[in-house]
Amino acid sequence: MEKLFETATGDGFTSLSLSVDPKNTQAVQLYKKLGFEQCGLSETSWTMKYNISSN
């Protein structure tokens, strides 16, 4: 993930997002630990966002 953050920053992105099943608690905990925050819900998945510029 660190490499992904570095590449995205180098490519000019200001944020990244992903979708995760909230029942997958291990993944949700990992993404939160990395700095992702829940920002939406789509059917059975959470959308989580990582703001590169604030991290």
C-alpha atoms as a PDB file:
ATOM      1  CA  MET A   1       0.000   0.000   0.000  1.00  0.00           C
ATOM      2  CA  GLU A   2       2.855   2.391   0.735  1.00  0.00           C
ATOM      3  CA  LYS A   3       4.071   1.971  -2.852  1.00  0.00           C
ATOM      4  CA  LEU A   4       0.539   2.651  -4.101  1.00  0.00           C
ATOM      5  CA  PHE A   5       0.406   5.868  -2.044  1.00  0.00           C
ATOM      6  CA  GLU A   6       3.812   6.943  -3.396  1.00  0.00           C
ATOM      7  CA  THR A   7       2.835   6.225  -6.999  1.00  0.00           C
ATOM      8  CA  ALA A   8      -0.518   7.989  -6.665  1.00  0.00           C
ATOM      9  CA  THR A   9       1.177  11.034  -5.145  1.00  0.00           C
ATOM     10  CA  GLY A  10       3.754  11.090  -7.932  1.00  0.00           C
ATOM     11  CA  ASP A  11       0.975  10.852 -10.514  1.00  0.00           C
ATOM     12  CA  GLY A  12      -0.815  13.854  -9.013  1.00  0.00           C
ATOM     13  CA  PHE A  13      -3.713  12.137  -7.278  1.00  0.00           C
ATOM     14  CA  THR A  14      -5.057  13.805  -4.136  1.00  0.00           C
ATOM     15  CA  SER A  15      -7.079  10.832  -2.881  1.00  0.00           C
ATOM     16  CA  LEU A  16      -7.753   7.135  -3.360  1.00  0.00           C
ATOM     17  CA  SER A  17     -10.929   5.172  -2.742  1.00  0.00           C
ATOM     18  CA  LEU A  18     -11.897   1.546  -2.356  1.00  0.00           C
ATOM     19  CA  SER A  19     -14.951  -0.578  -1.677  1.00  0.00           C
ATOM     20  CA  VAL A  20     -15.069  -3.142   1.096  1.00  0.00           C
ATOM     21  CA  ASP A  21     -17.688  -5.416   2.609  1.00  0.00           C
ATOM     22  CA  PRO A  22     -18.213  -4.102   6.162  1.00  0.00           C
ATOM     23  CA  LYS A  23     -18.500  -7.717   7.342  1.00  0.00           C
ATOM     24  CA  ASN A  24     -14.830  -8.123   6.412  1.00  0.00           C
ATOM     25  CA  THR A  25     -13.739  -6.614   9.707  1.00  0.00           C
ATOM     26  CA  GLN A  26     -10.051  -7.446   9.272  1.00  0.00           C
ATOM     27  CA  ALA A  27      -9.898  -5.521   5.993  1.00  0.00           C
ATOM     28  CA  VAL A  28     -11.886  -2.607   7.430  1.00  0.00           C
ATOM     29  CA  GLN A  29      -9.513  -2.412  10.414  1.00  0.00           C
ATOM     30  CA  LEU A  30      -6.474  -2.504   8.115  1.00  0.00           C
ATOM     31  CA  TYR A  31      -7.809   0.249   5.871  1.00  0.00           C
ATOM     32  CA  LYS A  32      -8.679   2.423   8.880  1.00  0.00           C
ATOM     33  CA  LYS A  33      -5.184   1.870  10.276  1.00  0.00           C
ATOM     34  CA  LEU A  34      -3.741   3.012   6.934  1.00  0.00           C
ATOM     35  CA  GLY A  35      -5.808   6.201   7.061  1.00  0.00           C
ATOM     36  CA  PHE A  36      -8.893   5.351   4.994  1.00  0.00           C
ATOM     37  CA  GLU A  37     -12.223   6.714   6.235  1.00  0.00           C
ATOM     38  CA  GLN A  38     -15.733   5.533   5.421  1.00  0.00           C
ATOM     39  CA  CYS A  39     -17.433   8.026   3.112  1.00  0.00           C
ATOM     40  CA  GLY A  40     -20.312   6.159   1.518  1.00  0.00           C
ATOM     41  CA  LEU A  41     -22.406   3.046   1.128  1.00  0.00           C
ATOM     42  CA  SER A  42     -23.233   1.253  -2.113  1.00  0.00           C
ATOM     43  CA  GLU A  43     -25.561  -1.722  -1.738  1.00  0.00           C
ATOM     44  CA  THR A  44     -23.578  -4.033   0.590  1.00  0.00           C
ATOM     45  CA  SER A  45     -20.185  -2.295   0.365  1.00  0.00           C
ATOM     46  CA  TRP A  46     -18.655   0.646   2.134  1.00  0.00           C
ATOM     47  CA  THR A  47     -16.726   3.183   0.120  1.00  0.00           C
ATOM     48  CA  MET A  48     -13.596   4.275   1.949  1.00  0.00           C
ATOM     49  CA  LYS A  49     -11.382   7.212   1.001  1.00  0.00           C
ATOM     50  CA  TYR A  50      -7.753   8.057   1.701  1.00  0.00           C
ATOM     51  CA  ASN A  51      -6.817  11.729   1.370  1.00  0.00           C
ATOM     52  CA  ILE A  52      -3.222  11.819   0.179  1.00  0.00           C
ATOM     53  CA  SER A  53      -2.781  15.547   0.722  1.00  0.00           C
ATOM     54  CA  SER A  54      -3.662  15.348   4.436  1.00  0.00           C
ATOM     55  CA  ASN A  55      -1.496  12.297   5.254  1.00  0.00           C
END
